[in-house]
Amino acid sequence: MKLLRILLFLLVLCLSLPLVTSCTGKKEEGGATTADMAPDFSAVLLDGDEVKLSDFRGRVVLLNFWATWCPACKKEVPELQKIAEDYEGKKVVVLGVSHEKPEVIREAKGAMGITYLLATVEAEVFNTYRVKGIPQTFIIDKRGRIRLHRSGYIPGMEEELRKTIDRLLEAR
């Protein structure tokens, strides 16, 4: 019963956050920073195939740390989906990672109409990127360097993500 109260409190807290929202209730600082090489990691796609972040070298990667239960994450899914659709075939990969069970992610994928790549990762990947709250979004250039890091969800952040992606696609 005590756990249920704590979870209910956290849910109410996430729903009552201001415009910059994350499921920690505060703006996160201290994550992997821009110009750092993005730490490589392995992930398991929902079809069971294993991929590494480094498999996407030569493409711009929008890496999103999220969870199916996170209200702020759910709010940003339509923006990420639109980006994935608009950049399809343009050397851009949208990859959402979670450390939830694949069947939970699969169910959310269908319910939310997500077509971009979703994968499960070990919790250690969150630690490697110093992700303490979700959602967290990183844009990684073609050479594997982090060029943008955003904590939480900000309505309209899609425009900033697009500008960064466009700039990185033009870079040689």
Protein backbone atom coordinates (compact mmCIF):
# COMPACT_ATOMS: atom_id res chain seq x y z
CA MET A 1 0.00 0.00 0.00
CA LYS A 2 2.87 2.35 0.82
CA LEU A 3 4.40 1.71 -2.62
CA LEU A 4 1.08 2.52 -4.27
CA ARG A 5 0.93 5.86 -2.42
CA ILE A 6 4.47 6.72 -3.51
CA LEU A 7 3.70 5.85 -7.14
CA LEU A 8 0.49 7.88 -7.03
CA PHE A 9 2.40 10.84 -5.57
CA LEU A 10 5.01 10.62 -8.34
CA LEU A 11 2.32 10.45 -11.00
CA VAL A 12 0.57 13.54 -9.62
CA LEU A 13 3.91 15.32 -9.42
CA CYS A 14 4.73 14.56 -13.07
CA LEU A 15 1.30 15.73 -14.21
CA SER A 16 1.58 19.02 -12.36
CA LEU A 17 4.98 20.10 -13.65
CA PRO A 18 5.44 23.38 -15.54
CA LEU A 19 6.28 23.61 -19.27
CA VAL A 20 9.67 21.94 -18.92
CA THR A 21 8.65 18.57 -17.67
CA SER A 22 10.43 15.42 -16.80
CA CYS A 23 9.56 12.57 -14.55
CA THR A 24 11.94 13.73 -11.85
CA GLY A 25 10.13 16.98 -11.13
CA LYS A 26 13.25 19.06 -11.79
CA LYS A 27 15.46 20.11 -14.64
CA GLU A 28 18.27 17.62 -15.00
CA GLU A 29 21.86 18.76 -15.16
CA GLY A 30 25.14 16.90 -15.54
CA GLY A 31 24.28 14.46 -18.31
CA ALA A 32 26.54 13.63 -21.22
CA THR A 33 27.46 16.96 -22.76
CA THR A 34 27.65 18.30 -26.26
CA ALA A 35 30.84 17.64 -28.21
CA ASP A 36 31.45 14.46 -26.15
CA MET A 37 31.61 11.23 -28.11
CA ALA A 38 28.33 9.45 -27.53
CA PRO A 39 29.09 6.37 -25.43
CA ASP A 40 28.48 3.23 -27.46
CA PHE A 41 25.99 0.70 -26.14
CA SER A 42 24.04 -2.37 -27.21
CA ALA A 43 20.28 -2.40 -27.44
CA VAL A 44 17.73 -5.05 -28.30
CA LEU A 45 15.12 -3.98 -30.83
CA LEU A 46 11.56 -5.17 -30.33
CA ASP A 47 12.03 -7.82 -33.03
CA GLY A 48 14.88 -9.31 -30.97
CA ASP A 49 17.75 -8.04 -33.12
CA GLU A 50 20.69 -6.52 -31.26
CA VAL A 51 22.14 -3.22 -32.46
CA LYS A 52 24.87 -0.92 -31.24
CA LEU A 53 24.71 2.84 -31.36
CA SER A 54 27.89 2.75 -33.45
CA ASP A 55 25.97 0.78 -36.13
CA PHE A 56 24.33 4.10 -37.02
CA ARG A 57 27.61 5.98 -37.74
CA GLY A 58 27.23 8.06 -40.87
CA ARG A 59 23.69 9.02 -39.87
CA VAL A 60 22.28 11.63 -37.52
CA VAL A 61 20.76 9.89 -34.51
CA LEU A 62 18.01 11.30 -32.32
CA LEU A 63 18.39 9.21 -29.16
CA ASN A 64 15.49 9.43 -26.73
CA PHE A 65 15.50 7.92 -23.23
CA TRP A 66 11.90 7.31 -22.21
CA ALA A 67 9.40 5.03 -20.46
CA THR A 68 5.86 3.98 -21.26
CA TRP A 69 4.55 5.15 -17.87
CA CYS A 70 6.04 8.68 -18.06
CA PRO A 71 3.47 11.42 -18.87
CA ALA A 72 6.10 13.81 -20.27
CA CYS A 73 7.47 11.04 -22.50
CA LYS A 74 3.99 10.36 -23.86
CA LYS A 75 3.55 14.05 -24.67
CA GLU A 76 6.69 14.16 -26.81
CA VAL A 77 6.00 10.94 -28.75
CA PRO A 78 3.90 12.69 -31.46
CA GLU A 79 6.72 15.19 -32.10
CA LEU A 80 9.32 12.42 -32.33
CA GLN A 81 7.01 10.41 -34.60
CA LYS A 82 6.59 13.41 -36.92
CA ILE A 83 10.37 13.88 -37.09
CA ALA A 84 10.85 10.18 -37.88
CA GLU A 85 8.29 10.37 -40.67
CA ASP A 86 9.61 13.61 -42.17
CA TYR A 87 13.24 12.46 -42.19
CA GLU A 88 12.60 8.92 -43.40
CA GLY A 89 15.19 8.03 -46.04
CA LYS A 90 17.39 11.03 -45.16
CA LYS A 91 20.15 9.42 -43.07
CA VAL A 92 18.36 10.15 -39.78
CA VAL A 93 17.58 7.52 -37.15
CA VAL A 94 15.12 8.11 -34.34
CA LEU A 95 15.80 5.61 -31.56
CA GLY A 96 13.78 5.43 -28.35
CA VAL A 97 15.38 3.40 -25.55
CA SER A 98 13.87 2.17 -22.31
CA HIS A 99 14.80 -0.45 -19.75
CA GLU A 100 11.25 -1.75 -19.56
CA LYS A 101 10.25 -5.23 -20.72
CA PRO A 102 9.87 -5.61 -24.49
CA GLU A 103 6.22 -6.67 -24.24
CA VAL A 104 5.37 -3.47 -22.33
CA ILE A 105 7.14 -1.34 -24.96
CA ARG A 106 5.52 -3.31 -27.79
CA GLU A 107 2.06 -2.63 -26.36
CA ALA A 108 2.77 1.10 -26.00
CA LYS A 109 4.22 1.23 -29.52
CA GLY A 110 0.96 -0.07 -30.96
CA ALA A 111 -1.25 2.10 -28.75
CA MET A 112 0.71 5.29 -29.56
CA GLY A 113 1.26 4.55 -33.25
CA ILE A 114 5.05 4.69 -32.99
CA THR A 115 6.93 3.60 -36.10
CA TYR A 116 10.45 4.73 -35.19
CA LEU A 117 12.94 2.31 -33.66
CA LEU A 118 12.32 1.28 -30.06
CA ALA A 119 14.70 -0.84 -28.05
CA THR A 120 15.39 -2.10 -24.59
CA VAL A 121 18.68 -1.35 -22.89
CA GLU A 122 20.22 -2.27 -19.59
CA ALA A 123 19.80 0.31 -16.83
CA GLU A 124 23.56 0.82 -17.03
CA VAL A 125 23.08 2.67 -20.35
CA PHE A 126 20.99 5.28 -18.50
CA ASN A 127 23.85 5.57 -15.99
CA THR A 128 26.47 5.89 -18.74
CA TYR A 129 24.56 8.84 -20.21
CA ARG A 130 23.91 10.16 -16.69
CA VAL A 131 20.16 10.11 -17.28
CA LYS A 132 18.50 10.62 -13.90
CA GLY A 133 15.10 11.68 -15.20
CA ILE A 134 13.16 11.11 -18.37
CA PRO A 135 12.61 12.02 -21.07
CA GLN A 136 16.12 12.90 -22.18
CA THR A 137 16.92 13.55 -25.84
CA PHE A 138 20.33 13.57 -27.47
CA ILE A 139 21.14 14.38 -31.07
CA ILE A 140 24.30 12.68 -32.25
CA ASP A 141 26.12 13.70 -35.42
CA LYS A 142 27.32 11.40 -38.21
CA ARG A 143 30.70 10.96 -36.50
CA GLY A 144 29.20 9.97 -33.15
CA ARG A 145 29.47 13.24 -31.22
CA ILE A 146 26.65 14.60 -29.08
CA ARG A 147 25.51 17.89 -30.58
CA LEU A 148 22.36 18.56 -28.57
CA HIS A 149 21.07 17.35 -25.20
CA ARG A 150 17.63 18.28 -23.87
CA SER A 151 16.16 17.24 -20.54
CA GLY A 152 12.44 16.90 -20.10
CA TYR A 153 9.73 17.78 -22.55
CA ILE A 154 9.17 21.32 -23.77
CA PRO A 155 6.14 21.87 -26.02
CA GLY A 156 7.39 22.94 -29.44
CA MET A 157 10.89 21.52 -28.94
CA GLU A 158 10.46 19.80 -32.29
CA GLU A 159 11.58 23.00 -34.04
CA GLU A 160 14.93 23.06 -32.21
CA LEU A 161 15.44 19.35 -32.88
CA ARG A 162 14.73 19.86 -36.60
CA LYS A 163 17.12 22.82 -36.88
CA THR A 164 19.90 20.78 -35.30
CA ILE A 165 19.19 17.76 -37.50
CA ASP A 166 19.12 19.92 -40.65
CA ARG A 167 22.42 21.57 -39.72
CA LEU A 168 24.05 18.18 -39.09
CA LEU A 169 22.73 16.70 -42.34
CA GLU A 170 24.34 19.59 -44.24
CA ALA A 171 27.70 19.15 -42.49
CA ARG A 172 30.30 17.03 -44.19
